[in-house]
Amino acid sequence: MSDVVECVQFKLKDGVSDADFVTASEVVNVWIKSRPGFRYRSLSKDAAGEWRDIVYWESRETAHQASELFMQDLCHSDFMQMIDEASVLMNHSDVKLNLAGACG
């Protein structure tokens, strides 16, 4: 088994501030840390206003299980309500190489 990266790319709805969105993402942090197979999560935004929620999972199976439960458990959360649904792109990819540096 190899780690799997889940990448969700999206934009926020008009009028949602970055600060409010990051605050709302705390519910995801709490939820995701309790999921089996969770490794790492980052939330970033590029210059064009596109966000990326990147999560490393232990396996494709744990990634897919978490994705299904996420929609059941958090679909009505403030976090999800701030995302422009039409802009969401999600994929999973197998990790072929890991290299860790000095992290925060």
PDB file of N, CA and C in Angstrom:
ATOM      1  N   MET A   1       0.831  -1.188   0.000  1.00  0.00           N
ATOM      2  CA  MET A   1       0.000   0.000   0.000  1.00  0.00           C
ATOM      3  C   MET A   1       0.876   1.254   0.000  1.00  0.00           C
ATOM      4  N   SER A   2       0.458   2.240  -0.761  1.00  0.00           N
ATOM      5  CA  SER A   2       1.177   3.510  -0.751  1.00  0.00           C
ATOM      6  C   SER A   2       0.230   4.619  -0.332  1.00  0.00           C
ATOM      7  N   ASP A   3       0.820   5.684   0.171  1.00  0.00           N
ATOM      8  CA  ASP A   3       0.013   6.842   0.529  1.00  0.00           C
ATOM      9  C   ASP A   3      -0.715   7.378  -0.700  1.00  0.00           C
ATOM     10  N   VAL A   4      -1.832   8.039  -0.432  1.00  0.00           N
ATOM     11  CA  VAL A   4      -2.643   8.646  -1.486  1.00  0.00           C
ATOM     12  C   VAL A   4      -2.844  10.113  -1.141  1.00  0.00           C
ATOM     13  N   VAL A   5      -2.735  10.950  -2.161  1.00  0.00           N
ATOM     14  CA  VAL A   5      -2.980  12.377  -1.996  1.00  0.00           C
ATOM     15  C   VAL A   5      -4.358  12.699  -2.557  1.00  0.00           C
ATOM     16  N   GLU A   6      -5.152  13.364  -1.732  1.00  0.00           N
ATOM     17  CA  GLU A   6      -6.449  13.872  -2.166  1.00  0.00           C
ATOM     18  C   GLU A   6      -6.275  15.365  -2.386  1.00  0.00           C
ATOM     19  N   CYS A   7      -6.618  15.834  -3.568  1.00  0.00           N
ATOM     20  CA  CYS A   7      -6.512  17.259  -3.874  1.00  0.00           C
ATOM     21  C   CYS A   7      -7.887  17.767  -4.292  1.00  0.00           C
ATOM     22  N   VAL A   8      -8.392  18.732  -3.537  1.00  0.00           N
ATOM     23  CA  VAL A   8      -9.672  19.348  -3.859  1.00  0.00           C
ATOM     24  C   VAL A   8      -9.381  20.812  -4.195  1.00  0.00           C
ATOM     25  N   GLN A   9      -9.727  21.200  -5.408  1.00  0.00           N
ATOM     26  CA  GLN A   9      -9.508  22.557  -5.891  1.00  0.00           C
ATOM     27  C   GLN A   9     -10.864  23.246  -6.020  1.00  0.00           C
ATOM     28  N   PHE A  10     -10.941  24.504  -5.586  1.00  0.00           N
ATOM     29  CA  PHE A  10     -12.232  25.196  -5.587  1.00  0.00           C
ATOM     30  C   PHE A  10     -12.051  26.693  -5.413  1.00  0.00           C
ATOM     31  N   LYS A  11     -13.144  27.417  -5.610  1.00  0.00           N
ATOM     32  CA  LYS A  11     -13.210  28.852  -5.302  1.00  0.00           C
ATOM     33  C   LYS A  11     -14.263  29.049  -4.221  1.00  0.00           C
ATOM     34  N   LEU A  12     -14.151  30.161  -3.539  1.00  0.00           N
ATOM     35  CA  LEU A  12     -15.148  30.507  -2.530  1.00  0.00           C
ATOM     36  C   LEU A  12     -16.282  31.293  -3.176  1.00  0.00           C
ATOM     37  N   LYS A  13     -17.415  31.274  -2.527  1.00  0.00           N
ATOM     38  CA  LYS A  13     -18.547  32.089  -2.976  1.00  0.00           C
ATOM     39  C   LYS A  13     -18.191  33.561  -2.819  1.00  0.00           C
ATOM     40  N   ASP A  14     -18.805  34.392  -3.630  1.00  0.00           N
ATOM     41  CA  ASP A  14     -18.587  35.838  -3.545  1.00  0.00           C
ATOM     42  C   ASP A  14     -18.888  36.324  -2.136  1.00  0.00           C
ATOM     43  N   GLY A  15     -18.030  37.201  -1.645  1.00  0.00           N
ATOM     44  CA  GLY A  15     -18.248  37.824  -0.349  1.00  0.00           C
ATOM     45  C   GLY A  15     -17.658  37.081   0.835  1.00  0.00           C
ATOM     46  N   VAL A  16     -17.145  35.873   0.630  1.00  0.00           N
ATOM     47  CA  VAL A  16     -16.551  35.117   1.733  1.00  0.00           C
ATOM     48  C   VAL A  16     -15.096  35.547   1.894  1.00  0.00           C
ATOM     49  N   SER A  17     -14.720  35.949   3.097  1.00  0.00           N
ATOM     50  CA  SER A  17     -13.341  36.377   3.327  1.00  0.00           C
ATOM     51  C   SER A  17     -12.446  35.166   3.593  1.00  0.00           C
ATOM     52  N   ASP A  18     -11.174  35.327   3.262  1.00  0.00           N
ATOM     53  CA  ASP A  18     -10.203  34.269   3.530  1.00  0.00           C
ATOM     54  C   ASP A  18     -10.176  33.922   5.016  1.00  0.00           C
ATOM     55  N   ALA A  19     -10.185  34.956   5.853  1.00  0.00           N
ATOM     56  CA  ALA A  19     -10.108  34.737   7.303  1.00  0.00           C
ATOM     57  C   ALA A  19     -11.309  33.942   7.811  1.00  0.00           C
ATOM     58  N   ASP A  20     -12.503  34.284   7.342  1.00  0.00           N
ATOM     59  CA  ASP A  20     -13.705  33.546   7.763  1.00  0.00           C
ATOM     60  C   ASP A  20     -13.646  32.098   7.297  1.00  0.00           C
ATOM     61  N   PHE A  21     -13.145  31.886   6.081  1.00  0.00           N
ATOM     62  CA  PHE A  21     -13.063  30.530   5.556  1.00  0.00           C
ATOM     63  C   PHE A  21     -12.056  29.683   6.342  1.00  0.00           C
ATOM     64  N   VAL A  22     -10.903  30.257   6.617  1.00  0.00           N
ATOM     65  CA  VAL A  22      -9.887  29.518   7.388  1.00  0.00           C
ATOM     66  C   VAL A  22     -10.424  29.192   8.784  1.00  0.00           C
ATOM     67  N   THR A  23     -11.125  30.118   9.397  1.00  0.00           N
ATOM     68  CA  THR A  23     -11.740  29.852  10.700  1.00  0.00           C
ATOM     69  C   THR A  23     -12.757  28.722  10.587  1.00  0.00           C
ATOM     70  N   ALA A  24     -13.577  28.750   9.548  1.00  0.00           N
ATOM     71  CA  ALA A  24     -14.593  27.706   9.353  1.00  0.00           C
ATOM     72  C   ALA A  24     -13.954  26.346   9.081  1.00  0.00           C
ATOM     73  N   SER A  25     -12.726  26.332   8.577  1.00  0.00           N
ATOM     74  CA  SER A  25     -12.059  25.058   8.264  1.00  0.00           C
ATOM     75  C   SER A  25     -11.628  24.301   9.517  1.00  0.00           C
ATOM     76  N   GLU A  26     -11.685  24.946  10.669  1.00  0.00           N
ATOM     77  CA  GLU A  26     -11.289  24.266  11.910  1.00  0.00           C
ATOM     78  C   GLU A  26     -12.167  23.045  12.174  1.00  0.00           C
ATOM     79  N   VAL A  27     -13.432  23.102  11.798  1.00  0.00           N
ATOM     80  CA  VAL A  27     -14.315  21.944  11.978  1.00  0.00           C
ATOM     81  C   VAL A  27     -13.796  20.759  11.163  1.00  0.00           C
ATOM     82  N   VAL A  28     -13.217  21.041   9.996  1.00  0.00           N
ATOM     83  CA  VAL A  28     -12.633  19.982   9.164  1.00  0.00           C
ATOM     84  C   VAL A  28     -11.392  19.420   9.853  1.00  0.00           C
ATOM     85  N   ASN A  29     -10.565  20.287  10.408  1.00  0.00           N
ATOM     86  CA  ASN A  29      -9.367  19.820  11.117  1.00  0.00           C
ATOM     87  C   ASN A  29      -9.720  18.849  12.236  1.00  0.00           C
ATOM     88  N   VAL A  30     -10.698  19.219  13.030  1.00  0.00           N
ATOM     89  CA  VAL A  30     -11.116  18.359  14.143  1.00  0.00           C
ATOM     90  C   VAL A  30     -11.635  17.027  13.613  1.00  0.00           C
ATOM     91  N   TRP A  31     -12.475  17.088  12.586  1.00  0.00           N
ATOM     92  CA  TRP A  31     -13.068  15.880  12.019  1.00  0.00           C
ATOM     93  C   TRP A  31     -12.003  14.978  11.399  1.00  0.00           C
ATOM     94  N   ILE A  32     -11.129  15.566  10.600  1.00  0.00           N
ATOM     95  CA  ILE A  32     -10.183  14.770   9.823  1.00  0.00           C
ATOM     96  C   ILE A  32      -9.122  14.101  10.699  1.00  0.00           C
ATOM     97  N   LYS A  33      -8.741  14.758  11.792  1.00  0.00           N
ATOM     98  CA  LYS A  33      -7.736  14.162  12.677  1.00  0.00           C
ATOM     99  C   LYS A  33      -8.229  12.876  13.320  1.00  0.00           C
ATOM    100  N   SER A  34      -9.537  12.691  13.376  1.00  0.00           N
ATOM    101  CA  SER A  34     -10.083  11.473  13.989  1.00  0.00           C
ATOM    102  C   SER A  34     -10.284  10.347  12.975  1.00  0.00           C
ATOM    103  N   ARG A  35     -10.013  10.601  11.700  1.00  0.00           N
ATOM    104  CA  ARG A  35     -10.240   9.601  10.651  1.00  0.00           C
ATOM    105  C   ARG A  35      -9.078   8.624  10.562  1.00  0.00           C
ATOM    106  N   PRO A  36      -9.387   7.345  10.460  1.00  0.00           N
ATOM    107  CA  PRO A  36      -8.326   6.353  10.258  1.00  0.00           C
ATOM    108  C   PRO A  36      -7.586   6.622   8.945  1.00  0.00           C
ATOM    109  N   GLY A  37      -6.274   6.515   8.977  1.00  0.00           N
ATOM    110  CA  GLY A  37      -5.465   6.682   7.784  1.00  0.00           C
ATOM    111  C   GLY A  37      -5.050   8.100   7.473  1.00  0.00           C
ATOM    112  N   PHE A  38      -5.500   9.083   8.262  1.00  0.00           N
ATOM    113  CA  PHE A  38      -5.125  10.475   8.021  1.00  0.00           C
ATOM    114  C   PHE A  38      -3.641  10.672   8.301  1.00  0.00           C
ATOM    115  N   ARG A  39      -2.968  11.388   7.388  1.00  0.00           N
ATOM    116  CA  ARG A  39      -1.538  11.683   7.541  1.00  0.00           C
ATOM    117  C   ARG A  39      -1.254  13.183   7.696  1.00  0.00           C
ATOM    118  N   TYR A  40      -1.832  14.007   6.789  1.00  0.00           N
ATOM    119  CA  TYR A  40      -1.421  15.413   6.718  1.00  0.00           C
ATOM    120  C   TYR A  40      -2.458  16.199   5.922  1.00  0.00           C
ATOM    121  N   ARG A  41      -2.654  17.459   6.300  1.00  0.00           N
ATOM    122  CA  ARG A  41      -3.568  18.329   5.553  1.00  0.00           C
ATOM    123  C   ARG A  41      -2.965  19.715   5.398  1.00  0.00           C
ATOM    124  N   SER A  42      -3.143  20.309   4.212  1.00  0.00           N
ATOM    125  CA  SER A  42      -2.797  21.718   4.017  1.00  0.00           C
ATOM    126  C   SER A  42      -3.915  22.382   3.231  1.00  0.00           C
ATOM    127  N   LEU A  43      -4.095  23.660   3.489  1.00  0.00           N
ATOM    128  CA  LEU A  43      -5.102  24.465   2.815  1.00  0.00           C
ATOM    129  C   LEU A  43      -4.376  25.684   2.267  1.00  0.00           C
ATOM    130  N   SER A  44      -4.442  25.883   0.946  1.00  0.00           N
ATOM    131  CA  SER A  44      -3.707  26.988   0.336  1.00  0.00           C
ATOM    132  C   SER A  44      -4.569  27.697  -0.703  1.00  0.00           C
ATOM    133  N   LYS A  45      -4.116  28.907  -1.051  1.00  0.00           N
ATOM    134  CA  LYS A  45      -4.828  29.718  -2.043  1.00  0.00           C
ATOM    135  C   LYS A  45      -3.802  30.315  -2.992  1.00  0.00           C
ATOM    136  N   ASP A  46      -4.078  30.244  -4.304  1.00  0.00           N
ATOM    137  CA  ASP A  46      -3.140  30.818  -5.270  1.00  0.00           C
ATOM    138  C   ASP A  46      -3.535  32.253  -5.624  1.00  0.00           C
ATOM    139  N   ALA A  47      -2.721  32.881  -6.456  1.00  0.00           N
ATOM    140  CA  ALA A  47      -2.924  34.289  -6.812  1.00  0.00           C
ATOM    141  C   ALA A  47      -4.214  34.517  -7.590  1.00  0.00           C
ATOM    142  N   ALA A  48      -4.742  33.481  -8.240  1.00  0.00           N
ATOM    143  CA  ALA A  48      -5.982  33.605  -9.010  1.00  0.00           C
ATOM    144  C   ALA A  48      -7.224  33.388  -8.150  1.00  0.00           C
ATOM    145  N   GLY A  49      -7.027  33.134  -6.852  1.00  0.00           N
ATOM    146  CA  GLY A  49      -8.161  32.941  -5.958  1.00  0.00           C
ATOM    147  C   GLY A  49      -8.642  31.508  -5.844  1.00  0.00           C
ATOM    148  N   GLU A  50      -7.902  30.563  -6.426  1.00  0.00           N
ATOM    149  CA  GLU A  50      -8.271  29.151  -6.322  1.00  0.00           C
ATOM    150  C   GLU A  50      -7.634  28.552  -5.078  1.00  0.00           C
ATOM    151  N   TRP A  51      -8.437  27.819  -4.353  1.00  0.00           N
ATOM    152  CA  TRP A  51      -7.989  27.150  -3.136  1.00  0.00           C
ATOM    153  C   TRP A  51      -7.661  25.697  -3.441  1.00  0.00           C
ATOM    154  N   ARG A  52      -6.771  25.133  -2.652  1.00  0.00           N
ATOM    155  CA  ARG A  52      -6.464  23.705  -2.716  1.00  0.00           C
ATOM    156  C   ARG A  52      -6.429  23.162  -1.294  1.00  0.00           C
ATOM    157  N   ASP A  53      -7.240  22.149  -1.091  1.00  0.00           N
ATOM    158  CA  ASP A  53      -7.260  21.420   0.175  1.00  0.00           C
ATOM    159  C   ASP A  53      -6.589  20.088  -0.127  1.00  0.00           C
ATOM    160  N   ILE A  54      -5.388  19.902   0.389  1.00  0.00           N
ATOM    161  CA  ILE A  54      -4.590  18.714   0.079  1.00  0.00           C
ATOM    162  C   ILE A  54      -4.467  17.867   1.337  1.00  0.00           C
ATOM    163  N   VAL A  55      -4.839  16.591   1.188  1.00  0.00           N
ATOM    164  CA  VAL A  55      -4.801  15.667   2.321  1.00  0.00           C
ATOM    165  C   VAL A  55      -4.054  14.411   1.910  1.00  0.00           C
ATOM    166  N   TYR A  56      -3.121  14.005   2.752  1.00  0.00           N
ATOM    167  CA  TYR A  56      -2.418  12.735   2.557  1.00  0.00           C
ATOM    168  C   TYR A  56      -3.101  11.671   3.403  1.00  0.00           C
ATOM    169  N   TRP A  57      -3.360  10.529   2.755  1.00  0.00           N
ATOM    170  CA  TRP A  57      -4.000   9.392   3.405  1.00  0.00           C
ATOM    171  C   TRP A  57      -3.095   8.173   3.332  1.00  0.00           C
ATOM    172  N   GLU A  58      -3.324   7.251   4.228  1.00  0.00           N
ATOM    173  CA  GLU A  58      -2.548   6.006   4.301  1.00  0.00           C
ATOM    174  C   GLU A  58      -2.757   5.128   3.062  1.00  0.00           C
ATOM    175  N   SER A  59      -3.948   5.184   2.484  1.00  0.00           N
ATOM    176  CA  SER A  59      -4.267   4.325   1.341  1.00  0.00           C
ATOM    177  C   SER A  59      -5.438   4.918   0.565  1.00  0.00           C
ATOM    178  N   ARG A  60      -5.649   4.402  -0.619  1.00  0.00           N
ATOM    179  CA  ARG A  60      -6.794   4.817  -1.428  1.00  0.00           C
ATOM    180  C   ARG A  60      -8.099   4.462  -0.707  1.00  0.00           C
ATOM    181  N   GLU A  61      -8.120   3.337  -0.042  1.00  0.00           N
ATOM    182  CA  GLU A  61      -9.317   2.902   0.688  1.00  0.00           C
ATOM    183  C   GLU A  61      -9.683   3.891   1.797  1.00  0.00           C
ATOM    184  N   THR A  62      -8.700   4.313   2.601  1.00  0.00           N
ATOM    185  CA  THR A  62      -9.014   5.254   3.687  1.00  0.00           C
ATOM    186  C   THR A  62      -9.408   6.616   3.124  1.00  0.00           C
ATOM    187  N   ALA A  63      -8.818   7.002   1.995  1.00  0.00           N
ATOM    188  CA  ALA A  63      -9.183   8.276   1.359  1.00  0.00           C
ATOM    189  C   ALA A  63     -10.636   8.251   0.896  1.00  0.00           C
ATOM    190  N   HIS A  64     -11.037   7.176   0.238  1.00  0.00           N
ATOM    191  CA  HIS A  64     -12.415   7.085  -0.258  1.00  0.00           C
ATOM    192  C   HIS A  64     -13.421   6.965   0.883  1.00  0.00           C
ATOM    193  N   GLN A  65     -13.074   6.228   1.914  1.00  0.00           N
ATOM    194  CA  GLN A  65     -13.978   6.123   3.074  1.00  0.00           C
ATOM    195  C   GLN A  65     -14.181   7.493   3.707  1.00  0.00           C
ATOM    196  N   ALA A  66     -13.100   8.233   3.866  1.00  0.00           N
ATOM    197  CA  ALA A  66     -13.200   9.564   4.463  1.00  0.00           C
ATOM    198  C   ALA A  66     -14.023  10.501   3.589  1.00  0.00           C
ATOM    199  N   SER A  67     -13.845  10.428   2.275  1.00  0.00           N
ATOM    200  CA  SER A  67     -14.607  11.284   1.365  1.00  0.00           C
ATOM    201  C   SER A  67     -16.106  11.046   1.508  1.00  0.00           C
ATOM    202  N   GLU A  68     -16.491   9.791   1.578  1.00  0.00           N
ATOM    203  CA  GLU A  68     -17.911   9.458   1.736  1.00  0.00           C
ATOM    204  C   GLU A  68     -18.457   9.965   3.070  1.00  0.00           C
ATOM    205  N   LEU A  69     -17.716   9.739   4.142  1.00  0.00           N
ATOM    206  CA  LEU A  69     -18.171  10.186   5.463  1.00  0.00           C
ATOM    207  C   LEU A  69     -18.174  11.703   5.584  1.00  0.00           C
ATOM    208  N   PHE A  70     -17.208  12.358   4.933  1.00  0.00           N
ATOM    209  CA  PHE A  70     -17.135  13.811   4.984  1.00  0.00           C
ATOM    210  C   PHE A  70     -18.437  14.427   4.505  1.00  0.00           C
ATOM    211  N   MET A  71     -18.939  13.934   3.384  1.00  0.00           N
ATOM    212  CA  MET A  71     -20.174  14.495   2.840  1.00  0.00           C
ATOM    213  C   MET A  71     -21.369  14.218   3.751  1.00  0.00           C
ATOM    214  N   GLN A  72     -21.369  13.117   4.436  1.00  0.00           N
ATOM    215  CA  GLN A  72     -22.449  12.822   5.384  1.00  0.00           C
ATOM    216  C   GLN A  72     -22.357  13.709   6.622  1.00  0.00           C
ATOM    217  N   ASP A  73     -21.146  13.841   7.148  1.00  0.00           N
ATOM    218  CA  ASP A  73     -20.950  14.522   8.428  1.00  0.00           C
ATOM    219  C   ASP A  73     -20.863  16.040   8.324  1.00  0.00           C
ATOM    220  N   LEU A  74     -20.294  16.559   7.237  1.00  0.00           N
ATOM    221  CA  LEU A  74     -19.992  17.989   7.176  1.00  0.00           C
ATOM    222  C   LEU A  74     -20.618  18.740   6.005  1.00  0.00           C
ATOM    223  N   CYS A  75     -21.518  18.107   5.278  1.00  0.00           N
ATOM    224  CA  CYS A  75     -22.043  18.773   4.083  1.00  0.00           C
ATOM    225  C   CYS A  75     -22.813  20.055   4.407  1.00  0.00           C
ATOM    226  N   HIS A  76     -23.327  20.195   5.607  1.00  0.00           N
ATOM    227  CA  HIS A  76     -24.074  21.406   5.968  1.00  0.00           C
ATOM    228  C   HIS A  76     -23.261  22.367   6.847  1.00  0.00           C
ATOM    229  N   SER A  77     -21.974  22.098   6.977  1.00  0.00           N
ATOM    230  CA  SER A  77     -21.111  22.944   7.814  1.00  0.00           C
ATOM    231  C   SER A  77     -20.908  24.314   7.155  1.00  0.00           C
ATOM    232  N   ASP A  78     -20.529  25.303   7.961  1.00  0.00           N
ATOM    233  CA  ASP A  78     -20.209  26.628   7.418  1.00  0.00           C
ATOM    234  C   ASP A  78     -19.100  26.519   6.373  1.00  0.00           C
ATOM    235  N   PHE A  79     -18.126  25.657   6.618  1.00  0.00           N
ATOM    236  CA  PHE A  79     -17.019  25.442   5.679  1.00  0.00           C
ATOM    237  C   PHE A  79     -17.555  25.111   4.292  1.00  0.00           C
ATOM    238  N   MET A  80     -18.425  24.138   4.206  1.00  0.00           N
ATOM    239  CA  MET A  80     -18.961  23.707   2.917  1.00  0.00           C
ATOM    240  C   MET A  80     -19.870  24.763   2.297  1.00  0.00           C
ATOM    241  N   GLN A  81     -20.596  25.503   3.114  1.00  0.00           N
ATOM    242  CA  GLN A  81     -21.509  26.523   2.604  1.00  0.00           C
ATOM    243  C   GLN A  81     -20.768  27.700   1.978  1.00  0.00           C
ATOM    244  N   MET A  82     -19.477  27.864   2.291  1.00  0.00           N
ATOM    245  CA  MET A  82     -18.683  28.972   1.753  1.00  0.00           C
ATOM    246  C   MET A  82     -18.055  28.654   0.396  1.00  0.00           C
ATOM    247  N   ILE A  83     -18.091  27.394  -0.005  1.00  0.00           N
ATOM    248  CA  ILE A  83     -17.442  26.951  -1.245  1.00  0.00           C
ATOM    249  C   ILE A  83     -18.413  27.028  -2.423  1.00  0.00           C
ATOM    250  N   ASP A  84     -17.921  27.538  -3.542  1.00  0.00           N
ATOM    251  CA  ASP A  84     -18.696  27.571  -4.782  1.00  0.00           C
ATOM    252  C   ASP A  84     -18.702  26.144  -5.349  1.00  0.00           C
ATOM    253  N   GLU A  85     -19.825  25.462  -5.191  1.00  0.00           N
ATOM    254  CA  GLU A  85     -19.927  24.049  -5.584  1.00  0.00           C
ATOM    255  C   GLU A  85     -19.566  23.804  -7.039  1.00  0.00           C
ATOM    256  N   ALA A  86     -19.916  24.722  -7.922  1.00  0.00           N
ATOM    257  CA  ALA A  86     -19.656  24.546  -9.351  1.00  0.00           C
ATOM    258  C   ALA A  86     -18.160  24.566  -9.683  1.00  0.00           C
ATOM    259  N   SER A  87     -17.344  25.071  -8.777  1.00  0.00           N
ATOM    260  CA  SER A  87     -15.911  25.196  -9.046  1.00  0.00           C
ATOM    261  C   SER A  87     -15.095  24.007  -8.534  1.00  0.00           C
ATOM    262  N   VAL A  88     -15.715  23.078  -7.835  1.00  0.00           N
ATOM    263  CA  VAL A  88     -14.987  22.007  -7.152  1.00  0.00           C
ATOM    264  C   VAL A  88     -14.474  20.947  -8.128  1.00  0.00           C
ATOM    265  N   LEU A  89     -13.179  20.654  -8.015  1.00  0.00           N
ATOM    266  CA  LEU A  89     -12.528  19.552  -8.720  1.00  0.00           C
ATOM    267  C   LEU A  89     -11.799  18.723  -7.670  1.00  0.00           C
ATOM    268  N   MET A  90     -11.970  17.415  -7.722  1.00  0.00           N
ATOM    269  CA  MET A  90     -11.341  16.553  -6.724  1.00  0.00           C
ATOM    270  C   MET A  90     -10.690  15.365  -7.411  1.00  0.00           C
ATOM    271  N   ASN A  91      -9.498  15.013  -6.946  1.00  0.00           N
ATOM    272  CA  ASN A  91      -8.865  13.804  -7.452  1.00  0.00           C
ATOM    273  C   ASN A  91      -8.004  13.155  -6.381  1.00  0.00           C
ATOM    274  N   HIS A  92      -7.701  11.905  -6.610  1.00  0.00           N
ATOM    275  CA  HIS A  92      -6.811  11.137  -5.744  1.00  0.00           C
ATOM    276  C   HIS A  92      -5.660  10.627  -6.593  1.00  0.00           C
ATOM    277  N   SER A  93      -4.456  10.684  -6.046  1.00  0.00           N
ATOM    278  CA  SER A  93      -3.294  10.167  -6.766  1.00  0.00           C
ATOM    279  C   SER A  93      -2.396   9.402  -5.799  1.00  0.00           C
ATOM    280  N   ASP A  94      -1.714   8.397  -6.343  1.00  0.00           N
ATOM    281  CA  ASP A  94      -0.803   7.582  -5.545  1.00  0.00           C
ATOM    282  C   ASP A  94       0.531   8.290  -5.390  1.00  0.00           C
ATOM    283  N   VAL A  95       1.042   8.303  -4.174  1.00  0.00           N
ATOM    284  CA  VAL A  95       2.336   8.917  -3.901  1.00  0.00           C
ATOM    285  C   VAL A  95       3.429   7.976  -4.415  1.00  0.00           C
ATOM    286  N   LYS A  96       4.319   8.502  -5.207  1.00  0.00           N
ATOM    287  CA  LYS A  96       5.427   7.725  -5.756  1.00  0.00           C
ATOM    288  C   LYS A  96       6.754   8.053  -5.084  1.00  0.00           C
ATOM    289  N   LEU A  97       6.831   9.216  -4.432  1.00  0.00           N
ATOM    290  CA  LEU A  97       8.047   9.636  -3.749  1.00  0.00           C
ATOM    291  C   LEU A  97       7.682  10.596  -2.640  1.00  0.00           C
ATOM    292  N   ASN A  98       8.262  10.413  -1.474  1.00  0.00           N
ATOM    293  CA  ASN A  98       8.108  11.333  -0.343  1.00  0.00           C
ATOM    294  C   ASN A  98       9.472  11.868   0.039  1.00  0.00           C
ATOM    295  N   LEU A  99       9.553  13.144   0.298  1.00  0.00           N
ATOM    296  CA  LEU A  99      10.771  13.764   0.804  1.00  0.00           C
ATOM    297  C   LEU A  99      10.356  14.816   1.801  1.00  0.00           C
ATOM    298  N   ALA A 100      10.768  14.678   3.034  1.00  0.00           N
ATOM    299  CA  ALA A 100      10.401  15.632   4.069  1.00  0.00           C
ATOM    300  C   ALA A 100      11.591  16.543   4.368  1.00  0.00           C
ATOM    301  N   GLY A 101      11.286  17.795   4.555  1.00  0.00           N
ATOM    302  CA  GLY A 101      12.271  18.766   4.976  1.00  0.00           C
ATOM    303  C   GLY A 101      11.957  19.193   6.393  1.00  0.00           C
ATOM    304  N   ALA A 102      12.569  20.256   6.820  1.00  0.00           N
ATOM    305  CA  ALA A 102      12.305  20.803   8.135  1.00  0.00           C
ATOM    306  C   ALA A 102      10.958  21.505   8.088  1.00  0.00           C
ATOM    307  N   CYS A 103       9.962  20.936   8.735  1.00  0.00           N
ATOM    308  CA  CYS A 103       8.619  21.524   8.755  1.00  0.00           C
ATOM    309  C   CYS A 103       8.364  22.206  10.073  1.00  0.00           C
ATOM    310  N   GLY A 104       7.655  23.295   9.970  1.00  0.00           N
ATOM    311  CA  GLY A 104       7.221  24.151  10.985  1.00  0.00           C
ATOM    312  C   GLY A 104       7.196  23.879  12.356  1.00  0.00           C
TER     313      GLY A 104
END
